[in-house]
Amino acid sequence: MFKNKLVRFFIFLLCNFAALGLGIFLMQDGPRTNWYLELNKAPWTPANWVFGTAWSAIMVFFSFYMTKLSFQYQFLDKKLIILYTIQWILNVEWNFLFFNKHLVITALFAIIFLWLLIGYFTFEYKKKLRLYTLFILPYLVWMTIATSLNAYIVFNN
């Protein structure tokens, strides 16, 4: 059953969108609260609608990436599962730390670690995945932007 590419893709897609959904649930109304609205935010902060659109596209691309990567190794390869799980937890956790608990410094450390992990995925597996590495690049670029936005808030509030 798991030897089918479409099945694996939908498993990753489901897991990735579950992370997005849980993250949204945990941040509650964070982006619309007075706390967030009154923060001194970076001049390059995108409009609110960009975040949902970007994350949706990123998770689709990341699902393609993980599907291809999972065929380069055993489907339940221990290292890949651990790395993917850490990525999943950090992705969800950041919303809770930043928007719910207002722990912007702790959130910055979480997002830096997530950025490093996505960078690791990108460069560790590029020789095996070749052109498929392009599917993770939007995630890496977005994490670079998101990390800079979080850092700006830490240093300017």
N, C-alpha and C. Protein backbone atom coordinates (compact mmCIF):
# COMPACT_ATOMS: atom_id res chain seq x y z
N MET A 1 0.82 -1.20 0.00
CA MET A 1 0.00 0.00 0.00
C MET A 1 0.87 1.27 0.00
N PHE A 2 1.91 1.30 0.85
CA PHE A 2 2.74 2.49 0.96
C PHE A 2 3.77 2.58 -0.17
N LYS A 3 3.75 1.62 -1.08
CA LYS A 3 4.68 1.66 -2.21
C LYS A 3 4.15 2.56 -3.32
N ASN A 4 2.92 2.97 -3.20
CA ASN A 4 2.28 3.84 -4.18
C ASN A 4 2.64 5.29 -3.88
N LYS A 5 3.14 6.01 -4.88
CA LYS A 5 3.54 7.40 -4.69
C LYS A 5 2.38 8.29 -4.28
N LEU A 6 1.23 8.06 -4.85
CA LEU A 6 0.06 8.89 -4.54
C LEU A 6 -0.37 8.71 -3.09
N VAL A 7 -0.31 7.48 -2.61
CA VAL A 7 -0.67 7.21 -1.21
C VAL A 7 0.30 7.94 -0.27
N ARG A 8 1.58 7.81 -0.53
CA ARG A 8 2.57 8.50 0.31
C ARG A 8 2.39 10.02 0.24
N PHE A 9 2.15 10.54 -0.96
CA PHE A 9 1.94 11.98 -1.10
C PHE A 9 0.78 12.43 -0.23
N PHE A 10 -0.34 11.71 -0.28
CA PHE A 10 -1.49 12.11 0.52
C PHE A 10 -1.26 11.95 2.01
N ILE A 11 -0.44 11.00 2.41
CA ILE A 11 -0.08 10.86 3.83
C ILE A 11 0.70 12.11 4.28
N PHE A 12 1.70 12.49 3.50
CA PHE A 12 2.47 13.69 3.84
C PHE A 12 1.60 14.95 3.77
N LEU A 13 0.75 15.03 2.76
CA LEU A 13 -0.14 16.19 2.63
C LEU A 13 -1.07 16.29 3.85
N LEU A 14 -1.63 15.18 4.26
CA LEU A 14 -2.50 15.15 5.43
C LEU A 14 -1.74 15.57 6.68
N CYS A 15 -0.56 15.03 6.88
CA CYS A 15 0.26 15.39 8.05
C CYS A 15 0.65 16.87 8.03
N ASN A 16 1.04 17.37 6.87
CA ASN A 16 1.46 18.77 6.75
C ASN A 16 0.30 19.72 7.01
N PHE A 17 -0.87 19.41 6.45
CA PHE A 17 -2.01 20.29 6.68
C PHE A 17 -2.58 20.14 8.09
N ALA A 18 -2.35 18.97 8.70
CA ALA A 18 -2.72 18.81 10.12
C ALA A 18 -1.86 19.74 10.98
N ALA A 19 -0.58 19.85 10.63
CA ALA A 19 0.30 20.78 11.36
C ALA A 19 -0.18 22.21 11.20
N LEU A 20 -0.56 22.59 9.99
CA LEU A 20 -1.07 23.95 9.76
C LEU A 20 -2.34 24.18 10.56
N GLY A 21 -3.24 23.22 10.51
CA GLY A 21 -4.51 23.34 11.24
C GLY A 21 -4.31 23.44 12.74
N LEU A 22 -3.45 22.60 13.28
CA LEU A 22 -3.18 22.64 14.72
C LEU A 22 -2.48 23.95 15.09
N GLY A 23 -1.58 24.40 14.25
CA GLY A 23 -0.90 25.68 14.50
C GLY A 23 -1.88 26.83 14.54
N ILE A 24 -2.83 26.84 13.60
CA ILE A 24 -3.86 27.89 13.58
C ILE A 24 -4.72 27.82 14.84
N PHE A 25 -5.09 26.61 15.23
CA PHE A 25 -5.88 26.43 16.44
C PHE A 25 -5.13 26.94 17.67
N LEU A 26 -3.85 26.62 17.77
CA LEU A 26 -3.06 27.01 18.94
C LEU A 26 -2.75 28.50 18.99
N MET A 27 -2.71 29.16 17.85
CA MET A 27 -2.43 30.59 17.89
C MET A 27 -3.68 31.40 18.18
N GLN A 28 -4.83 30.73 18.13
CA GLN A 28 -6.12 31.38 18.38
C GLN A 28 -6.26 32.61 17.49
N ASP A 29 -6.62 33.74 18.03
CA ASP A 29 -6.80 34.96 17.23
C ASP A 29 -5.53 35.80 17.22
N GLY A 30 -4.39 35.20 17.45
CA GLY A 30 -3.13 35.91 17.59
C GLY A 30 -2.87 37.06 16.65
N PRO A 31 -3.01 36.85 15.33
CA PRO A 31 -2.71 37.94 14.40
C PRO A 31 -3.72 39.10 14.46
N ARG A 32 -4.84 38.87 15.12
CA ARG A 32 -5.85 39.93 15.20
C ARG A 32 -5.95 40.55 16.60
N THR A 33 -5.07 40.13 17.50
CA THR A 33 -5.12 40.67 18.86
C THR A 33 -4.43 42.03 18.93
N ASN A 34 -4.81 42.80 19.92
CA ASN A 34 -4.15 44.10 20.12
C ASN A 34 -2.65 43.92 20.34
N TRP A 35 -2.28 42.87 21.07
CA TRP A 35 -0.87 42.62 21.32
C TRP A 35 -0.09 42.58 20.01
N TYR A 36 -0.55 41.78 19.05
CA TYR A 36 0.17 41.65 17.78
C TYR A 36 0.04 42.92 16.94
N LEU A 37 -1.15 43.46 16.87
CA LEU A 37 -1.38 44.64 16.03
C LEU A 37 -0.56 45.84 16.47
N GLU A 38 -0.24 45.92 17.76
CA GLU A 38 0.52 47.05 18.29
C GLU A 38 2.04 46.84 18.27
N LEU A 39 2.48 45.66 17.87
CA LEU A 39 3.92 45.41 17.78
C LEU A 39 4.54 46.25 16.66
N ASN A 40 5.78 46.62 16.88
CA ASN A 40 6.56 47.27 15.82
C ASN A 40 7.06 46.14 14.91
N LYS A 41 6.43 45.99 13.75
CA LYS A 41 6.75 44.91 12.83
C LYS A 41 7.68 45.38 11.71
N ALA A 42 8.36 44.45 11.13
CA ALA A 42 9.30 44.75 10.04
C ALA A 42 8.57 45.39 8.86
N PRO A 43 9.22 46.33 8.21
CA PRO A 43 8.60 46.97 7.03
C PRO A 43 8.28 45.97 5.91
N TRP A 44 8.97 44.83 5.87
CA TRP A 44 8.75 43.83 4.83
C TRP A 44 7.72 42.78 5.24
N THR A 45 6.99 43.02 6.34
CA THR A 45 5.95 42.08 6.78
C THR A 45 4.86 42.01 5.71
N PRO A 46 4.59 40.81 5.20
CA PRO A 46 3.55 40.67 4.16
C PRO A 46 2.15 40.92 4.74
N ALA A 47 1.21 41.16 3.86
CA ALA A 47 -0.20 41.26 4.26
C ALA A 47 -0.64 39.92 4.86
N ASN A 48 -1.62 39.96 5.74
CA ASN A 48 -2.07 38.74 6.44
C ASN A 48 -2.47 37.61 5.50
N TRP A 49 -3.12 37.92 4.39
CA TRP A 49 -3.58 36.88 3.48
C TRP A 49 -2.41 36.11 2.86
N VAL A 50 -1.24 36.72 2.79
CA VAL A 50 -0.07 36.07 2.18
C VAL A 50 0.36 34.85 3.00
N PHE A 51 0.22 34.94 4.31
CA PHE A 51 0.67 33.84 5.17
C PHE A 51 -0.07 32.54 4.87
N GLY A 52 -1.38 32.59 4.82
CA GLY A 52 -2.16 31.38 4.53
C GLY A 52 -1.88 30.82 3.16
N THR A 53 -1.78 31.70 2.18
CA THR A 53 -1.50 31.28 0.81
C THR A 53 -0.11 30.66 0.71
N ALA A 54 0.86 31.33 1.31
CA ALA A 54 2.25 30.82 1.26
C ALA A 54 2.35 29.47 1.95
N TRP A 55 1.79 29.36 3.16
CA TRP A 55 1.90 28.11 3.90
C TRP A 55 1.20 26.96 3.18
N SER A 56 0.06 27.24 2.57
CA SER A 56 -0.64 26.18 1.83
C SER A 56 0.22 25.67 0.68
N ALA A 57 0.77 26.59 -0.10
CA ALA A 57 1.63 26.20 -1.22
C ALA A 57 2.87 25.46 -0.73
N ILE A 58 3.48 25.98 0.32
CA ILE A 58 4.70 25.36 0.87
C ILE A 58 4.43 23.93 1.31
N MET A 59 3.31 23.69 1.96
CA MET A 59 3.01 22.34 2.44
C MET A 59 2.71 21.38 1.29
N VAL A 60 2.12 21.87 0.21
CA VAL A 60 1.93 21.01 -0.97
C VAL A 60 3.29 20.66 -1.56
N PHE A 61 4.15 21.66 -1.76
CA PHE A 61 5.50 21.40 -2.30
C PHE A 61 6.30 20.49 -1.38
N PHE A 62 6.21 20.73 -0.08
CA PHE A 62 6.95 19.91 0.89
C PHE A 62 6.44 18.46 0.86
N SER A 63 5.17 18.27 0.61
CA SER A 63 4.62 16.91 0.49
C SER A 63 5.21 16.19 -0.71
N PHE A 64 5.36 16.91 -1.83
CA PHE A 64 6.03 16.31 -3.00
C PHE A 64 7.48 15.96 -2.65
N TYR A 65 8.14 16.88 -1.98
CA TYR A 65 9.54 16.68 -1.60
C TYR A 65 9.68 15.44 -0.70
N MET A 66 8.87 15.37 0.35
CA MET A 66 8.97 14.26 1.28
C MET A 66 8.59 12.93 0.63
N THR A 67 7.64 12.98 -0.30
CA THR A 67 7.28 11.75 -1.02
C THR A 67 8.48 11.24 -1.80
N LYS A 68 9.11 12.11 -2.56
CA LYS A 68 10.29 11.71 -3.33
C LYS A 68 11.40 11.23 -2.40
N LEU A 69 11.64 11.96 -1.32
CA LEU A 69 12.68 11.57 -0.37
C LEU A 69 12.38 10.21 0.25
N SER A 70 11.12 9.95 0.55
CA SER A 70 10.75 8.68 1.18
C SER A 70 11.00 7.50 0.26
N PHE A 71 11.04 7.72 -1.05
CA PHE A 71 11.35 6.64 -1.97
C PHE A 71 12.86 6.44 -2.15
N GLN A 72 13.66 7.36 -1.65
CA GLN A 72 15.11 7.21 -1.69
C GLN A 72 15.60 6.35 -0.53
N TYR A 73 14.76 6.22 0.47
CA TYR A 73 15.06 5.45 1.68
C TYR A 73 13.85 4.56 1.95
N GLN A 74 13.93 3.77 3.00
CA GLN A 74 12.73 3.02 3.40
C GLN A 74 11.68 4.02 3.84
N PHE A 75 10.42 3.69 3.61
CA PHE A 75 9.34 4.63 3.93
C PHE A 75 9.37 5.06 5.39
N LEU A 76 9.62 4.15 6.26
CA LEU A 76 9.65 4.49 7.69
C LEU A 76 11.09 4.55 8.20
N ASP A 77 11.98 5.09 7.39
CA ASP A 77 13.37 5.29 7.78
C ASP A 77 13.42 6.10 9.08
N LYS A 78 14.11 5.57 10.07
CA LYS A 78 14.12 6.18 11.40
C LYS A 78 14.61 7.63 11.38
N LYS A 79 15.69 7.89 10.70
CA LYS A 79 16.25 9.24 10.65
C LYS A 79 15.26 10.22 10.01
N LEU A 80 14.67 9.81 8.87
CA LEU A 80 13.71 10.69 8.19
C LEU A 80 12.48 10.95 9.05
N ILE A 81 11.99 9.93 9.71
CA ILE A 81 10.81 10.09 10.57
C ILE A 81 11.12 11.03 11.72
N ILE A 82 12.29 10.88 12.33
CA ILE A 82 12.67 11.77 13.45
C ILE A 82 12.80 13.21 12.96
N LEU A 83 13.51 13.42 11.85
CA LEU A 83 13.67 14.77 11.31
C LEU A 83 12.33 15.39 10.93
N TYR A 84 11.50 14.61 10.26
CA TYR A 84 10.19 15.10 9.85
C TYR A 84 9.33 15.44 11.06
N THR A 85 9.37 14.59 12.08
CA THR A 85 8.58 14.83 13.29
C THR A 85 9.05 16.08 14.03
N ILE A 86 10.34 16.27 14.13
CA ILE A 86 10.87 17.49 14.77
C ILE A 86 10.41 18.71 13.99
N GLN A 87 10.49 18.65 12.67
CA GLN A 87 10.03 19.75 11.81
C GLN A 87 8.56 20.02 12.08
N TRP A 88 7.76 18.98 12.17
CA TRP A 88 6.31 19.10 12.39
C TRP A 88 6.03 19.78 13.73
N ILE A 89 6.71 19.31 14.77
CA ILE A 89 6.50 19.86 16.12
C ILE A 89 6.92 21.33 16.17
N LEU A 90 8.09 21.64 15.63
CA LEU A 90 8.56 23.03 15.64
C LEU A 90 7.62 23.96 14.87
N ASN A 91 7.11 23.47 13.77
CA ASN A 91 6.19 24.26 12.96
C ASN A 91 4.93 24.60 13.76
N VAL A 92 4.38 23.62 14.45
CA VAL A 92 3.18 23.83 15.27
C VAL A 92 3.51 24.67 16.50
N GLU A 93 4.60 24.34 17.15
CA GLU A 93 4.99 24.98 18.40
C GLU A 93 5.20 26.48 18.26
N TRP A 94 5.75 26.91 17.13
CA TRP A 94 6.04 28.33 16.96
C TRP A 94 4.78 29.18 17.11
N ASN A 95 3.69 28.74 16.51
CA ASN A 95 2.42 29.48 16.61
C ASN A 95 1.99 29.66 18.06
N PHE A 96 2.11 28.59 18.82
CA PHE A 96 1.72 28.63 20.22
C PHE A 96 2.62 29.57 21.02
N LEU A 97 3.92 29.43 20.82
CA LEU A 97 4.87 30.26 21.57
C LEU A 97 4.72 31.74 21.23
N PHE A 98 4.63 32.04 19.95
CA PHE A 98 4.61 33.44 19.51
C PHE A 98 3.25 34.09 19.75
N PHE A 99 2.21 33.55 19.17
CA PHE A 99 0.91 34.21 19.21
C PHE A 99 0.13 33.97 20.49
N ASN A 100 0.21 32.78 21.04
CA ASN A 100 -0.58 32.45 22.21
C ASN A 100 0.09 32.90 23.50
N LYS A 101 1.37 32.59 23.63
CA LYS A 101 2.10 32.89 24.88
C LYS A 101 2.92 34.17 24.81
N HIS A 102 3.07 34.74 23.63
CA HIS A 102 3.84 35.99 23.42
C HIS A 102 5.30 35.84 23.84
N LEU A 103 5.81 34.64 23.73
CA LEU A 103 7.21 34.34 24.06
C LEU A 103 8.05 34.52 22.79
N VAL A 104 8.24 35.78 22.40
CA VAL A 104 8.86 36.06 21.10
C VAL A 104 10.31 35.60 21.03
N ILE A 105 11.03 35.65 22.13
CA ILE A 105 12.43 35.20 22.11
C ILE A 105 12.49 33.68 22.01
N THR A 106 11.68 32.99 22.78
CA THR A 106 11.62 31.53 22.70
C THR A 106 11.16 31.10 21.31
N ALA A 107 10.18 31.81 20.77
CA ALA A 107 9.70 31.52 19.42
C ALA A 107 10.81 31.73 18.40
N LEU A 108 11.63 32.76 18.62
CA LEU A 108 12.75 33.00 17.71
C LEU A 108 13.71 31.82 17.71
N PHE A 109 14.01 31.27 18.87
CA PHE A 109 14.89 30.10 18.92
C PHE A 109 14.25 28.90 18.22
N ALA A 110 12.95 28.74 18.40
CA ALA A 110 12.24 27.63 17.74
C ALA A 110 12.28 27.79 16.23
N ILE A 111 12.05 29.01 15.75
CA ILE A 111 12.02 29.23 14.30
C ILE A 111 13.43 29.15 13.70
N ILE A 112 14.43 29.55 14.44
CA ILE A 112 15.81 29.39 13.96
C ILE A 112 16.14 27.91 13.82
N PHE A 113 15.76 27.13 14.81
CA PHE A 113 16.00 25.70 14.75
C PHE A 113 15.24 25.08 13.57
N LEU A 114 14.00 25.52 13.35
CA LEU A 114 13.22 25.02 12.21
C LEU A 114 13.89 25.41 10.90
N TRP A 115 14.36 26.65 10.80
CA TRP A 115 15.06 27.12 9.60
C TRP A 115 16.31 26.27 9.34
N LEU A 116 17.07 25.99 10.39
CA LEU A 116 18.26 25.15 10.25
C LEU A 116 17.89 23.74 9.80
N LEU A 117 16.81 23.22 10.33
CA LEU A 117 16.37 21.87 9.97
C LEU A 117 15.93 21.81 8.50
N ILE A 118 15.21 22.82 8.05
CA ILE A 118 14.80 22.85 6.65
C ILE A 118 16.04 23.04 5.76
N GLY A 119 16.99 23.83 6.22
CA GLY A 119 18.26 23.95 5.50
C GLY A 119 18.98 22.62 5.43
N TYR A 120 18.95 21.87 6.52
CA TYR A 120 19.57 20.53 6.53
C TYR A 120 18.89 19.63 5.50
N PHE A 121 17.56 19.59 5.52
CA PHE A 121 16.83 18.80 4.51
C PHE A 121 17.26 19.21 3.10
N THR A 122 17.33 20.50 2.88
CA THR A 122 17.64 21.02 1.55
C THR A 122 19.01 20.57 1.06
N PHE A 123 20.02 20.73 1.89
CA PHE A 123 21.39 20.48 1.44
C PHE A 123 21.86 19.04 1.66
N GLU A 124 21.34 18.38 2.67
CA GLU A 124 21.74 16.99 2.94
C GLU A 124 21.28 16.05 1.83
N TYR A 125 20.12 16.31 1.27
CA TYR A 125 19.53 15.36 0.33
C TYR A 125 19.52 15.86 -1.12
N LYS A 126 20.18 16.98 -1.39
CA LYS A 126 20.11 17.53 -2.75
C LYS A 126 20.79 16.63 -3.79
N LYS A 127 21.82 15.90 -3.42
CA LYS A 127 22.48 15.01 -4.39
C LYS A 127 21.58 13.84 -4.76
N LYS A 128 20.81 13.36 -3.78
CA LYS A 128 19.90 12.25 -4.06
C LYS A 128 18.65 12.72 -4.80
N LEU A 129 18.17 13.90 -4.45
CA LEU A 129 16.90 14.37 -5.01
C LEU A 129 17.05 15.24 -6.25
N ARG A 130 18.24 15.77 -6.45
CA ARG A 130 18.55 16.62 -7.60
C ARG A 130 17.47 17.68 -7.81
N LEU A 131 16.77 17.61 -8.93
CA LEU A 131 15.78 18.62 -9.29
C LEU A 131 14.63 18.72 -8.29
N TYR A 132 14.32 17.63 -7.61
CA TYR A 132 13.24 17.65 -6.62
C TYR A 132 13.57 18.54 -5.42
N THR A 133 14.83 18.92 -5.27
CA THR A 133 15.22 19.85 -4.21
C THR A 133 14.48 21.18 -4.38
N LEU A 134 14.09 21.51 -5.60
CA LEU A 134 13.34 22.73 -5.84
C LEU A 134 12.03 22.77 -5.04
N PHE A 135 11.49 21.60 -4.72
CA PHE A 135 10.23 21.55 -3.98
C PHE A 135 10.36 22.01 -2.52
N ILE A 136 11.56 21.97 -1.97
CA ILE A 136 11.74 22.43 -0.59
C ILE A 136 12.23 23.89 -0.53
N LEU A 137 12.69 24.41 -1.63
CA LEU A 137 13.22 25.78 -1.63
C LEU A 137 12.19 26.83 -1.18
N PRO A 138 10.91 26.74 -1.56
CA PRO A 138 9.96 27.73 -1.03
C PRO A 138 9.87 27.70 0.49
N TYR A 139 9.97 26.52 1.07
CA TYR A 139 9.95 26.38 2.53
C TYR A 139 11.16 27.08 3.14
N LEU A 140 12.33 26.85 2.56
CA LEU A 140 13.56 27.47 3.07
C LEU A 140 13.51 29.00 2.93
N VAL A 141 13.05 29.47 1.80
CA VAL A 141 12.94 30.92 1.59
C VAL A 141 11.94 31.52 2.57
N TRP A 142 10.78 30.86 2.72
CA TRP A 142 9.76 31.38 3.63
C TRP A 142 10.26 31.37 5.07
N MET A 143 11.00 30.34 5.46
CA MET A 143 11.53 30.28 6.82
C MET A 143 12.56 31.38 7.04
N THR A 144 13.29 31.74 6.01
CA THR A 144 14.25 32.85 6.11
C THR A 144 13.50 34.15 6.36
N ILE A 145 12.44 34.36 5.61
CA ILE A 145 11.62 35.57 5.80
C ILE A 145 10.97 35.56 7.18
N ALA A 146 10.35 34.44 7.54
CA ALA A 146 9.65 34.35 8.83
C ALA A 146 10.61 34.54 10.00
N THR A 147 11.80 34.00 9.89
CA THR A 147 12.80 34.17 10.95
C THR A 147 13.19 35.64 11.07
N SER A 148 13.35 36.30 9.94
CA SER A 148 13.70 37.73 9.98
C SER A 148 12.57 38.56 10.59
N LEU A 149 11.33 38.18 10.32
CA LEU A 149 10.18 38.90 10.90
C LEU A 149 10.14 38.73 12.41
N ASN A 150 10.36 37.51 12.87
CA ASN A 150 10.38 37.23 14.31
C ASN A 150 11.56 37.96 14.97
N ALA A 151 12.72 37.93 14.34
CA ALA A 151 13.89 38.61 14.90
C ALA A 151 13.66 40.13 14.97
N TYR A 152 13.05 40.68 13.95
CA TYR A 152 12.76 42.11 13.96
C TYR A 152 11.88 42.47 15.16
N ILE A 153 10.88 41.66 15.42
CA ILE A 153 10.00 41.92 16.56
C ILE A 153 10.76 41.81 17.87
N VAL A 154 11.62 40.82 17.98
CA VAL A 154 12.44 40.67 19.22
C VAL A 154 13.30 41.91 19.45
N PHE A 155 13.95 42.38 18.41
CA PHE A 155 14.91 43.46 18.57
C PHE A 155 14.32 44.87 18.52
N ASN A 156 13.05 44.99 18.13
CA ASN A 156 12.46 46.32 17.98
C ASN A 156 11.20 46.54 18.82
N ASN A 157 11.00 45.73 19.81
CA ASN A 157 9.84 45.90 20.70
C ASN A 157 10.27 45.79 22.16
